[in-house]
Amino acid sequence: MKKHGETATPRSIAIMKQHGETATPTSIAIMKQHGETATPTSITIMKQHGETATPTSIAIIKQHGETATPRSIAIMKQRGATATPRSIAIMKQHGETATPRSIAIMKQHGETATPRSIAIMKQHGETATPTSIAIIKQHGETATPRSIAIMKQHGETATPTSIAIMKRINNYNCLFGKIN
């Protein structure tokens, strides 16, 4: 612990142990390598909000440019976002800002907002903003990544309005055997 700049006082280890943290020298060392302050208070706050706060999870988040502060994780948890290190990492790879507010707004509108769904939308040029998804949902469109992707492949701009209009004439198209 001393080699990695950790004071390792009996009190600090005791507080960690009280909150279910294994507090091994290796775990603290990994946190320090990734720029995590790893104070007993920071771990305690994460634990109170249901975050497992393992050294590996913090390390993955840090590698993808996520600040991973106890407060940021706590805010995500309060808004019903699963916010796992893997989900944030995948979003970041696809250029998704993945802010707590954006995830919260999607959740409020019944959007599952999985990393895969956002990733597929981004690959097809869909902006996938919380507002656009909310408008689509209001018009009865299931707004699946596949449906948007198919439209994009056929030259459809896939705006919320255009999707809504398509839904209204869907029965007419089916009568004439129009598939795409």
N, C-alpha and C. Protein backbone atom coordinates (compact mmCIF):
# COMPACT_ATOMS: atom_id res chain seq x y z
N MET A 1 0.82 -1.20 0.00
CA MET A 1 0.00 0.00 0.00
C MET A 1 0.86 1.26 0.00
N LYS A 2 1.93 1.26 0.80
CA LYS A 2 2.79 2.43 0.91
C LYS A 2 3.43 2.77 -0.44
N LYS A 3 3.76 1.72 -1.25
CA LYS A 3 4.40 1.95 -2.54
C LYS A 3 3.48 2.72 -3.50
N HIS A 4 2.16 2.59 -3.29
CA HIS A 4 1.22 3.26 -4.18
C HIS A 4 0.67 4.56 -3.60
N GLY A 5 1.32 5.06 -2.52
CA GLY A 5 0.91 6.35 -1.96
C GLY A 5 -0.31 6.28 -1.06
N GLU A 6 -0.72 5.11 -0.63
CA GLU A 6 -1.87 4.96 0.26
C GLU A 6 -1.38 4.99 1.71
N THR A 7 -2.02 5.81 2.55
CA THR A 7 -1.59 5.92 3.94
C THR A 7 -1.87 4.65 4.73
N ALA A 8 -2.89 3.91 4.36
CA ALA A 8 -3.18 2.60 4.97
C ALA A 8 -3.19 2.62 6.48
N THR A 9 -3.93 3.53 7.09
CA THR A 9 -4.06 3.57 8.54
C THR A 9 -5.06 2.51 8.98
N PRO A 10 -4.93 2.05 10.21
CA PRO A 10 -5.87 1.03 10.71
C PRO A 10 -7.32 1.52 10.62
N ARG A 11 -7.54 2.83 10.84
CA ARG A 11 -8.90 3.37 10.80
C ARG A 11 -9.49 3.30 9.39
N SER A 12 -8.67 3.66 8.38
CA SER A 12 -9.18 3.67 7.02
C SER A 12 -9.58 2.26 6.57
N ILE A 13 -8.75 1.29 6.92
CA ILE A 13 -9.06 -0.09 6.56
C ILE A 13 -10.30 -0.57 7.31
N ALA A 14 -10.41 -0.18 8.57
CA ALA A 14 -11.55 -0.59 9.39
C ALA A 14 -12.86 -0.07 8.82
N ILE A 15 -12.86 1.20 8.37
CA ILE A 15 -14.09 1.78 7.81
C ILE A 15 -14.48 1.05 6.53
N MET A 16 -13.50 0.73 5.70
CA MET A 16 -13.79 0.00 4.47
C MET A 16 -14.39 -1.37 4.78
N LYS A 17 -13.81 -2.04 5.77
CA LYS A 17 -14.29 -3.38 6.11
C LYS A 17 -15.74 -3.34 6.61
N GLN A 18 -16.08 -2.28 7.34
CA GLN A 18 -17.44 -2.14 7.88
C GLN A 18 -18.47 -2.04 6.76
N HIS A 19 -18.05 -1.54 5.59
CA HIS A 19 -18.98 -1.37 4.48
C HIS A 19 -18.87 -2.49 3.45
N GLY A 20 -18.25 -3.62 3.84
CA GLY A 20 -18.20 -4.77 2.95
C GLY A 20 -17.12 -4.71 1.90
N GLU A 21 -16.20 -3.76 2.00
CA GLU A 21 -15.11 -3.65 1.04
C GLU A 21 -13.95 -4.53 1.50
N THR A 22 -13.44 -5.37 0.61
CA THR A 22 -12.36 -6.28 1.00
C THR A 22 -11.07 -5.52 1.31
N ALA A 23 -10.88 -4.36 0.72
CA ALA A 23 -9.75 -3.48 1.03
C ALA A 23 -8.41 -4.20 1.05
N THR A 24 -8.14 -4.99 0.03
CA THR A 24 -6.84 -5.66 -0.07
C THR A 24 -5.83 -4.68 -0.66
N PRO A 25 -4.55 -4.88 -0.40
CA PRO A 25 -3.53 -4.00 -0.98
C PRO A 25 -3.62 -3.96 -2.51
N THR A 26 -3.94 -5.10 -3.12
CA THR A 26 -4.05 -5.15 -4.58
C THR A 26 -5.18 -4.27 -5.09
N SER A 27 -6.34 -4.36 -4.42
CA SER A 27 -7.50 -3.57 -4.86
C SER A 27 -7.22 -2.08 -4.77
N ILE A 28 -6.58 -1.66 -3.69
CA ILE A 28 -6.26 -0.23 -3.55
C ILE A 28 -5.22 0.18 -4.58
N ALA A 29 -4.25 -0.69 -4.84
CA ALA A 29 -3.20 -0.39 -5.81
C ALA A 29 -3.78 -0.19 -7.21
N ILE A 30 -4.73 -1.05 -7.61
CA ILE A 30 -5.34 -0.92 -8.94
C ILE A 30 -6.10 0.39 -9.05
N MET A 31 -6.83 0.75 -7.97
CA MET A 31 -7.56 2.02 -7.99
C MET A 31 -6.60 3.19 -8.17
N LYS A 32 -5.50 3.17 -7.43
CA LYS A 32 -4.54 4.27 -7.49
C LYS A 32 -3.91 4.39 -8.88
N GLN A 33 -3.67 3.27 -9.53
CA GLN A 33 -3.09 3.28 -10.87
C GLN A 33 -4.00 3.97 -11.88
N HIS A 34 -5.31 3.92 -11.66
CA HIS A 34 -6.26 4.52 -12.59
C HIS A 34 -6.72 5.90 -12.14
N GLY A 35 -6.00 6.49 -11.18
CA GLY A 35 -6.32 7.86 -10.76
C GLY A 35 -7.50 7.96 -9.83
N GLU A 36 -7.95 6.89 -9.25
CA GLU A 36 -9.06 6.92 -8.30
C GLU A 36 -8.51 7.21 -6.91
N THR A 37 -9.10 8.17 -6.20
CA THR A 37 -8.59 8.53 -4.88
C THR A 37 -8.82 7.42 -3.86
N ALA A 38 -9.80 6.58 -4.04
CA ALA A 38 -10.03 5.41 -3.20
C ALA A 38 -10.04 5.73 -1.71
N THR A 39 -10.69 6.79 -1.31
CA THR A 39 -10.82 7.11 0.11
C THR A 39 -11.97 6.30 0.69
N PRO A 40 -11.94 6.06 2.00
CA PRO A 40 -13.03 5.30 2.62
C PRO A 40 -14.38 5.97 2.38
N THR A 41 -14.40 7.30 2.36
CA THR A 41 -15.66 8.03 2.15
C THR A 41 -16.22 7.76 0.76
N SER A 42 -15.36 7.81 -0.26
CA SER A 42 -15.82 7.61 -1.63
C SER A 42 -16.41 6.22 -1.83
N ILE A 43 -15.76 5.23 -1.24
CA ILE A 43 -16.26 3.86 -1.36
C ILE A 43 -17.57 3.71 -0.60
N THR A 44 -17.66 4.36 0.56
CA THR A 44 -18.88 4.29 1.37
C THR A 44 -20.07 4.86 0.62
N ILE A 45 -19.89 6.03 -0.03
CA ILE A 45 -20.99 6.66 -0.76
C ILE A 45 -21.47 5.76 -1.90
N MET A 46 -20.53 5.15 -2.62
CA MET A 46 -20.90 4.26 -3.71
C MET A 46 -21.71 3.07 -3.19
N LYS A 47 -21.25 2.50 -2.07
CA LYS A 47 -21.93 1.34 -1.50
C LYS A 47 -23.35 1.69 -1.07
N GLN A 48 -23.54 2.89 -0.54
CA GLN A 48 -24.87 3.31 -0.08
C GLN A 48 -25.85 3.40 -1.23
N HIS A 49 -25.36 3.66 -2.44
CA HIS A 49 -26.24 3.79 -3.61
C HIS A 49 -26.31 2.50 -4.43
N GLY A 50 -25.85 1.38 -3.85
CA GLY A 50 -25.98 0.09 -4.52
C GLY A 50 -24.93 -0.17 -5.58
N GLU A 51 -23.89 0.64 -5.63
CA GLU A 51 -22.83 0.43 -6.61
C GLU A 51 -21.80 -0.54 -6.04
N THR A 52 -21.44 -1.57 -6.81
CA THR A 52 -20.49 -2.56 -6.30
C THR A 52 -19.10 -1.96 -6.12
N ALA A 53 -18.76 -0.95 -6.88
CA ALA A 53 -17.51 -0.20 -6.71
C ALA A 53 -16.28 -1.09 -6.59
N THR A 54 -16.16 -2.06 -7.48
CA THR A 54 -14.97 -2.90 -7.47
C THR A 54 -13.84 -2.17 -8.21
N PRO A 55 -12.59 -2.51 -7.91
CA PRO A 55 -11.48 -1.86 -8.61
C PRO A 55 -11.57 -2.04 -10.13
N THR A 56 -12.01 -3.22 -10.57
CA THR A 56 -12.13 -3.48 -12.00
C THR A 56 -13.15 -2.57 -12.65
N SER A 57 -14.32 -2.40 -12.01
CA SER A 57 -15.36 -1.56 -12.59
C SER A 57 -14.91 -0.11 -12.71
N ILE A 58 -14.22 0.39 -11.70
CA ILE A 58 -13.73 1.76 -11.74
C ILE A 58 -12.66 1.90 -12.82
N ALA A 59 -11.80 0.90 -12.93
CA ALA A 59 -10.73 0.93 -13.92
C ALA A 59 -11.27 1.00 -15.34
N ILE A 60 -12.32 0.20 -15.64
CA ILE A 60 -12.90 0.18 -16.98
C ILE A 60 -13.51 1.54 -17.31
N ILE A 61 -14.22 2.12 -16.34
CA ILE A 61 -14.84 3.42 -16.57
C ILE A 61 -13.77 4.47 -16.85
N LYS A 62 -12.69 4.45 -16.06
CA LYS A 62 -11.63 5.44 -16.23
C LYS A 62 -10.96 5.31 -17.60
N GLN A 63 -10.80 4.10 -18.08
CA GLN A 63 -10.16 3.87 -19.38
C GLN A 63 -10.95 4.50 -20.52
N HIS A 64 -12.26 4.63 -20.35
CA HIS A 64 -13.11 5.18 -21.41
C HIS A 64 -13.42 6.67 -21.20
N GLY A 65 -12.64 7.32 -20.32
CA GLY A 65 -12.82 8.75 -20.14
C GLY A 65 -13.98 9.14 -19.26
N GLU A 66 -14.55 8.23 -18.52
CA GLU A 66 -15.64 8.55 -17.60
C GLU A 66 -15.05 8.98 -16.27
N THR A 67 -15.56 10.08 -15.72
CA THR A 67 -14.99 10.60 -14.48
C THR A 67 -15.24 9.66 -13.30
N ALA A 68 -16.30 8.90 -13.31
CA ALA A 68 -16.57 7.88 -12.30
C ALA A 68 -16.46 8.37 -10.87
N THR A 69 -16.98 9.55 -10.59
CA THR A 69 -16.99 10.05 -9.23
C THR A 69 -18.16 9.41 -8.48
N PRO A 70 -18.06 9.32 -7.17
CA PRO A 70 -19.18 8.73 -6.40
C PRO A 70 -20.49 9.48 -6.65
N ARG A 71 -20.39 10.80 -6.83
CA ARG A 71 -21.60 11.59 -7.05
C ARG A 71 -22.25 11.27 -8.39
N SER A 72 -21.43 11.13 -9.44
CA SER A 72 -21.98 10.85 -10.77
C SER A 72 -22.69 9.50 -10.81
N ILE A 73 -22.09 8.52 -10.15
CA ILE A 73 -22.71 7.19 -10.11
C ILE A 73 -23.99 7.23 -9.28
N ALA A 74 -23.94 7.99 -8.19
CA ALA A 74 -25.12 8.10 -7.32
C ALA A 74 -26.29 8.73 -8.04
N ILE A 75 -26.03 9.80 -8.83
CA ILE A 75 -27.10 10.48 -9.56
C ILE A 75 -27.72 9.53 -10.59
N MET A 76 -26.89 8.76 -11.28
CA MET A 76 -27.41 7.81 -12.27
C MET A 76 -28.32 6.79 -11.59
N LYS A 77 -27.86 6.28 -10.44
CA LYS A 77 -28.63 5.26 -9.73
C LYS A 77 -29.98 5.81 -9.27
N GLN A 78 -29.99 7.07 -8.82
CA GLN A 78 -31.22 7.67 -8.32
C GLN A 78 -32.26 7.82 -9.44
N ARG A 79 -31.80 7.95 -10.69
CA ARG A 79 -32.71 8.13 -11.82
C ARG A 79 -33.06 6.82 -12.52
N GLY A 80 -32.71 5.69 -11.90
CA GLY A 80 -33.13 4.41 -12.44
C GLY A 80 -32.26 3.89 -13.57
N ALA A 81 -31.09 4.47 -13.79
CA ALA A 81 -30.21 4.00 -14.85
C ALA A 81 -29.30 2.90 -14.30
N THR A 82 -29.18 1.81 -15.05
CA THR A 82 -28.35 0.71 -14.57
C THR A 82 -26.88 1.12 -14.55
N ALA A 83 -26.45 1.93 -15.49
CA ALA A 83 -25.13 2.56 -15.48
C ALA A 83 -24.00 1.63 -15.07
N THR A 84 -23.91 0.48 -15.71
CA THR A 84 -22.81 -0.44 -15.43
C THR A 84 -21.57 0.04 -16.18
N PRO A 85 -20.39 -0.32 -15.71
CA PRO A 85 -19.16 0.09 -16.40
C PRO A 85 -19.16 -0.33 -17.87
N ARG A 86 -19.66 -1.53 -18.15
CA ARG A 86 -19.68 -2.02 -19.53
C ARG A 86 -20.61 -1.19 -20.41
N SER A 87 -21.79 -0.85 -19.89
CA SER A 87 -22.74 -0.08 -20.68
C SER A 87 -22.19 1.30 -21.00
N ILE A 88 -21.54 1.93 -20.02
CA ILE A 88 -20.95 3.25 -20.26
C ILE A 88 -19.82 3.14 -21.26
N ALA A 89 -19.02 2.10 -21.15
CA ALA A 89 -17.88 1.92 -22.06
C ALA A 89 -18.35 1.76 -23.50
N ILE A 90 -19.40 0.95 -23.72
CA ILE A 90 -19.90 0.74 -25.08
C ILE A 90 -20.48 2.03 -25.64
N MET A 91 -21.20 2.77 -24.81
CA MET A 91 -21.77 4.04 -25.27
C MET A 91 -20.66 5.00 -25.70
N LYS A 92 -19.61 5.07 -24.87
CA LYS A 92 -18.51 5.99 -25.16
C LYS A 92 -17.83 5.62 -26.48
N GLN A 93 -17.71 4.35 -26.77
CA GLN A 93 -17.08 3.89 -28.00
C GLN A 93 -17.85 4.35 -29.22
N HIS A 94 -19.16 4.51 -29.09
CA HIS A 94 -20.00 4.91 -30.22
C HIS A 94 -20.31 6.40 -30.22
N GLY A 95 -19.57 7.17 -29.41
CA GLY A 95 -19.77 8.62 -29.41
C GLY A 95 -20.98 9.09 -28.65
N GLU A 96 -21.56 8.25 -27.82
CA GLU A 96 -22.72 8.64 -27.03
C GLU A 96 -22.24 9.31 -25.74
N THR A 97 -22.78 10.48 -25.43
CA THR A 97 -22.33 11.20 -24.25
C THR A 97 -22.75 10.50 -22.96
N ALA A 98 -23.82 9.76 -22.97
CA ALA A 98 -24.25 8.96 -21.83
C ALA A 98 -24.27 9.72 -20.52
N THR A 99 -24.87 10.90 -20.51
CA THR A 99 -24.98 11.67 -19.28
C THR A 99 -26.14 11.12 -18.45
N PRO A 100 -26.08 11.33 -17.13
CA PRO A 100 -27.18 10.84 -16.29
C PRO A 100 -28.53 11.40 -16.72
N ARG A 101 -28.54 12.67 -17.16
CA ARG A 101 -29.80 13.30 -17.57
C ARG A 101 -30.38 12.65 -18.82
N SER A 102 -29.50 12.37 -19.82
CA SER A 102 -29.99 11.78 -21.06
C SER A 102 -30.58 10.39 -20.81
N ILE A 103 -29.91 9.61 -19.96
CA ILE A 103 -30.43 8.28 -19.65
C ILE A 103 -31.74 8.39 -18.88
N ALA A 104 -31.80 9.35 -17.96
CA ALA A 104 -33.01 9.53 -17.14
C ALA A 104 -34.21 9.89 -18.00
N ILE A 105 -34.01 10.81 -18.98
CA ILE A 105 -35.12 11.23 -19.84
C ILE A 105 -35.62 10.05 -20.67
N MET A 106 -34.70 9.23 -21.19
CA MET A 106 -35.11 8.06 -21.97
C MET A 106 -35.93 7.11 -21.11
N LYS A 107 -35.48 6.90 -19.87
CA LYS A 107 -36.18 5.96 -18.99
C LYS A 107 -37.59 6.46 -18.68
N GLN A 108 -37.73 7.78 -18.53
CA GLN A 108 -39.04 8.35 -18.23
C GLN A 108 -40.04 8.11 -19.35
N HIS A 109 -39.54 7.99 -20.58
CA HIS A 109 -40.42 7.79 -21.74
C HIS A 109 -40.56 6.32 -22.11
N GLY A 110 -40.11 5.41 -21.22
CA GLY A 110 -40.29 3.99 -21.47
C GLY A 110 -39.28 3.39 -22.42
N GLU A 111 -38.23 4.12 -22.73
CA GLU A 111 -37.20 3.60 -23.62
C GLU A 111 -36.20 2.78 -22.82
N THR A 112 -35.91 1.58 -23.28
CA THR A 112 -34.98 0.72 -22.54
C THR A 112 -33.56 1.26 -22.60
N ALA A 113 -33.22 2.01 -23.61
CA ALA A 113 -31.93 2.69 -23.72
C ALA A 113 -30.74 1.79 -23.43
N THR A 114 -30.71 0.65 -24.09
CA THR A 114 -29.57 -0.26 -23.91
C THR A 114 -28.40 0.23 -24.75
N PRO A 115 -27.18 -0.09 -24.35
CA PRO A 115 -26.02 0.33 -25.13
C PRO A 115 -26.08 -0.18 -26.57
N ARG A 116 -26.59 -1.40 -26.76
CA ARG A 116 -26.66 -1.97 -28.10
C ARG A 116 -27.62 -1.18 -29.00
N SER A 117 -28.78 -0.82 -28.46
CA SER A 117 -29.75 -0.09 -29.26
C SER A 117 -29.21 1.27 -29.69
N ILE A 118 -28.53 1.95 -28.78
CA ILE A 118 -27.95 3.24 -29.12
C ILE A 118 -26.82 3.07 -30.12
N ALA A 119 -26.01 2.03 -29.94
CA ALA A 119 -24.89 1.78 -30.84
C ALA A 119 -25.36 1.53 -32.27
N ILE A 120 -26.42 0.72 -32.43
CA ILE A 120 -26.93 0.42 -33.76
C ILE A 120 -27.49 1.68 -34.42
N MET A 121 -28.20 2.48 -33.64
CA MET A 121 -28.74 3.72 -34.19
C MET A 121 -27.62 4.63 -34.67
N LYS A 122 -26.57 4.74 -33.86
CA LYS A 122 -25.46 5.62 -34.21
C LYS A 122 -24.77 5.15 -35.50
N GLN A 123 -24.66 3.85 -35.68
CA GLN A 123 -24.02 3.30 -36.87
C GLN A 123 -24.80 3.67 -38.14
N HIS A 124 -26.10 3.86 -38.03
CA HIS A 124 -26.93 4.19 -39.19
C HIS A 124 -27.21 5.68 -39.31
N GLY A 125 -26.45 6.49 -38.57
CA GLY A 125 -26.61 7.93 -38.69
C GLY A 125 -27.79 8.50 -37.93
N GLU A 126 -28.37 7.75 -37.03
CA GLU A 126 -29.49 8.25 -36.23
C GLU A 126 -28.94 8.96 -35.01
N THR A 127 -29.41 10.16 -34.74
CA THR A 127 -28.90 10.93 -33.62
C THR A 127 -29.30 10.34 -32.27
N ALA A 128 -30.40 9.64 -32.21
CA ALA A 128 -30.85 8.94 -31.01
C ALA A 128 -30.85 9.82 -29.77
N THR A 129 -31.38 11.02 -29.88
CA THR A 129 -31.49 11.90 -28.72
C THR A 129 -32.73 11.50 -27.91
N PRO A 130 -32.73 11.84 -26.61
CA PRO A 130 -33.90 11.50 -25.79
C PRO A 130 -35.19 12.11 -26.33
N THR A 131 -35.07 13.34 -26.87
CA THR A 131 -36.26 14.01 -27.41
C THR A 131 -36.82 13.27 -28.62
N SER A 132 -35.93 12.87 -29.55
CA SER A 132 -36.40 12.20 -30.75
C SER A 132 -37.07 10.87 -30.42
N ILE A 133 -36.51 10.15 -29.46
CA ILE A 133 -37.11 8.87 -29.07
C ILE A 133 -38.45 9.11 -28.40
N ALA A 134 -38.52 10.16 -27.57
CA ALA A 134 -39.77 10.46 -26.87
C ALA A 134 -40.88 10.80 -27.84
N ILE A 135 -40.57 11.60 -28.88
CA ILE A 135 -41.59 11.98 -29.88
C ILE A 135 -42.08 10.75 -30.64
N ILE A 136 -41.14 9.89 -31.00
CA ILE A 136 -41.52 8.68 -31.73
C ILE A 136 -42.45 7.82 -30.87
N LYS A 137 -42.12 7.70 -29.58
CA LYS A 137 -42.93 6.88 -28.69
C LYS A 137 -44.34 7.45 -28.56
N GLN A 138 -44.45 8.78 -28.56
CA GLN A 138 -45.76 9.41 -28.43
C GLN A 138 -46.67 9.10 -29.62
N HIS A 139 -46.05 8.80 -30.78
CA HIS A 139 -46.83 8.50 -31.98
C HIS A 139 -47.07 7.00 -32.17
N GLY A 140 -46.78 6.21 -31.13
CA GLY A 140 -47.07 4.79 -31.19
C GLY A 140 -46.03 3.97 -31.93
N GLU A 141 -44.90 4.55 -32.23
CA GLU A 141 -43.84 3.82 -32.92
C GLU A 141 -42.99 3.10 -31.89
N THR A 142 -42.72 1.82 -32.14
CA THR A 142 -41.90 1.06 -31.19
C THR A 142 -40.45 1.53 -31.19
N ALA A 143 -40.02 2.19 -32.24
CA ALA A 143 -38.70 2.81 -32.33
C ALA A 143 -37.56 1.84 -32.01
N THR A 144 -37.58 0.70 -32.64
CA THR A 144 -36.50 -0.26 -32.44
C THR A 144 -35.33 0.10 -33.35
N PRO A 145 -34.12 -0.25 -32.95
CA PRO A 145 -32.96 0.06 -33.80
C PRO A 145 -33.09 -0.57 -35.19
N ARG A 146 -33.66 -1.78 -35.25
CA ARG A 146 -33.80 -2.46 -36.54
C ARG A 146 -34.73 -1.71 -37.48
N SER A 147 -35.86 -1.22 -36.96
CA SER A 147 -36.81 -0.52 -37.83
C SER A 147 -36.20 0.75 -38.41
N ILE A 148 -35.46 1.47 -37.59
CA ILE A 148 -34.80 2.68 -38.07
C ILE A 148 -33.71 2.33 -39.07
N ALA A 149 -32.96 1.27 -38.77
CA ALA A 149 -31.87 0.86 -39.66
C ALA A 149 -32.39 0.49 -41.05
N ILE A 150 -33.50 -0.26 -41.10
CA ILE A 150 -34.07 -0.67 -42.39
C ILE A 150 -34.52 0.55 -43.19
N MET A 151 -35.13 1.51 -42.50
CA MET A 151 -35.57 2.72 -43.19
C MET A 151 -34.38 3.46 -43.78
N LYS A 152 -33.30 3.57 -42.99
CA LYS A 152 -32.12 4.29 -43.45
C LYS A 152 -31.51 3.61 -44.68
N GLN A 153 -31.52 2.29 -44.70
CA GLN A 153 -30.96 1.55 -45.83
C GLN A 153 -31.72 1.83 -47.12
N HIS A 154 -33.01 2.17 -47.02
CA HIS A 154 -33.83 2.43 -48.19
C HIS A 154 -33.95 3.92 -48.49
N GLY A 155 -33.07 4.74 -47.90
CA GLY A 155 -33.08 6.16 -48.20
C GLY A 155 -34.10 6.97 -47.44
N GLU A 156 -34.67 6.41 -46.38
CA GLU A 156 -35.65 7.14 -45.58
C GLU A 156 -34.91 7.93 -44.50
N THR A 157 -35.28 9.20 -44.34
CA THR A 157 -34.61 10.04 -43.35
C THR A 157 -34.94 9.63 -41.92
N ALA A 158 -35.99 8.92 -41.72
CA ALA A 158 -36.37 8.38 -40.40
C ALA A 158 -36.53 9.45 -39.33
N THR A 159 -37.23 10.52 -39.67
CA THR A 159 -37.56 11.53 -38.67
C THR A 159 -38.79 11.06 -37.91
N PRO A 160 -39.00 11.58 -36.69
CA PRO A 160 -40.18 11.17 -35.92
C PRO A 160 -41.48 11.38 -36.69
N THR A 161 -41.54 12.51 -37.43
CA THR A 161 -42.76 12.81 -38.20
C THR A 161 -42.98 11.80 -39.32
N SER A 162 -41.90 11.49 -40.05
CA SER A 162 -42.03 10.56 -41.17
C SER A 162 -42.43 9.17 -40.69
N ILE A 163 -41.90 8.78 -39.53
CA ILE A 163 -42.25 7.46 -38.99
C ILE A 163 -43.72 7.44 -38.60
N ALA A 164 -44.19 8.55 -38.00
CA ALA A 164 -45.58 8.64 -37.58
C ALA A 164 -46.52 8.52 -38.78
N ILE A 165 -46.16 9.22 -39.89
CA ILE A 165 -47.00 9.17 -41.10
C ILE A 165 -47.02 7.77 -41.69
N MET A 166 -45.86 7.11 -41.67
CA MET A 166 -45.80 5.75 -42.20
C MET A 166 -46.72 4.81 -41.42
N LYS A 167 -46.74 5.00 -40.11
CA LYS A 167 -47.58 4.14 -39.29
C LYS A 167 -49.06 4.32 -39.64
N ARG A 168 -49.45 5.54 -39.97
CA ARG A 168 -50.85 5.81 -40.27
C ARG A 168 -51.30 5.16 -41.57
N ILE A 169 -50.36 5.01 -42.54
CA ILE A 169 -50.73 4.41 -43.82
C ILE A 169 -50.24 2.96 -43.93
N ASN A 170 -49.86 2.40 -42.80
CA ASN A 170 -49.30 1.05 -42.79
C ASN A 170 -50.28 0.02 -43.34
N ASN A 171 -51.55 0.11 -42.96
CA ASN A 171 -52.55 -0.85 -43.43
C ASN A 171 -52.73 -0.75 -44.94
N TYR A 172 -52.70 0.47 -45.47
CA TYR A 172 -52.85 0.68 -46.91
C TYR A 172 -51.70 0.01 -47.67
N ASN A 173 -50.50 0.19 -47.19
CA ASN A 173 -49.34 -0.40 -47.84
C ASN A 173 -49.39 -1.93 -47.81
N CYS A 174 -49.83 -2.47 -46.69
CA CYS A 174 -49.90 -3.93 -46.57
C CYS A 174 -50.88 -4.52 -47.58
N LEU A 175 -51.96 -3.79 -47.87
CA LEU A 175 -52.95 -4.29 -48.82
C LEU A 175 -52.35 -4.46 -50.21
N PHE A 176 -51.39 -3.60 -50.53
CA PHE A 176 -50.77 -3.67 -51.86
C PHE A 176 -49.43 -4.39 -51.83
N GLY A 177 -49.13 -5.05 -50.74
CA GLY A 177 -47.94 -5.87 -50.65
C GLY A 177 -46.64 -5.10 -50.55
N LYS A 178 -46.68 -3.84 -50.12
CA LYS A 178 -45.46 -3.06 -49.97
C LYS A 178 -44.75 -3.48 -48.70
N ILE A 179 -43.48 -3.92 -48.84
CA ILE A 179 -42.75 -4.45 -47.69
C ILE A 179 -41.89 -3.37 -47.05
N ASN A 180 -41.12 -2.64 -47.85
CA ASN A 180 -40.17 -1.66 -47.30
C ASN A 180 -40.75 -0.24 -47.37
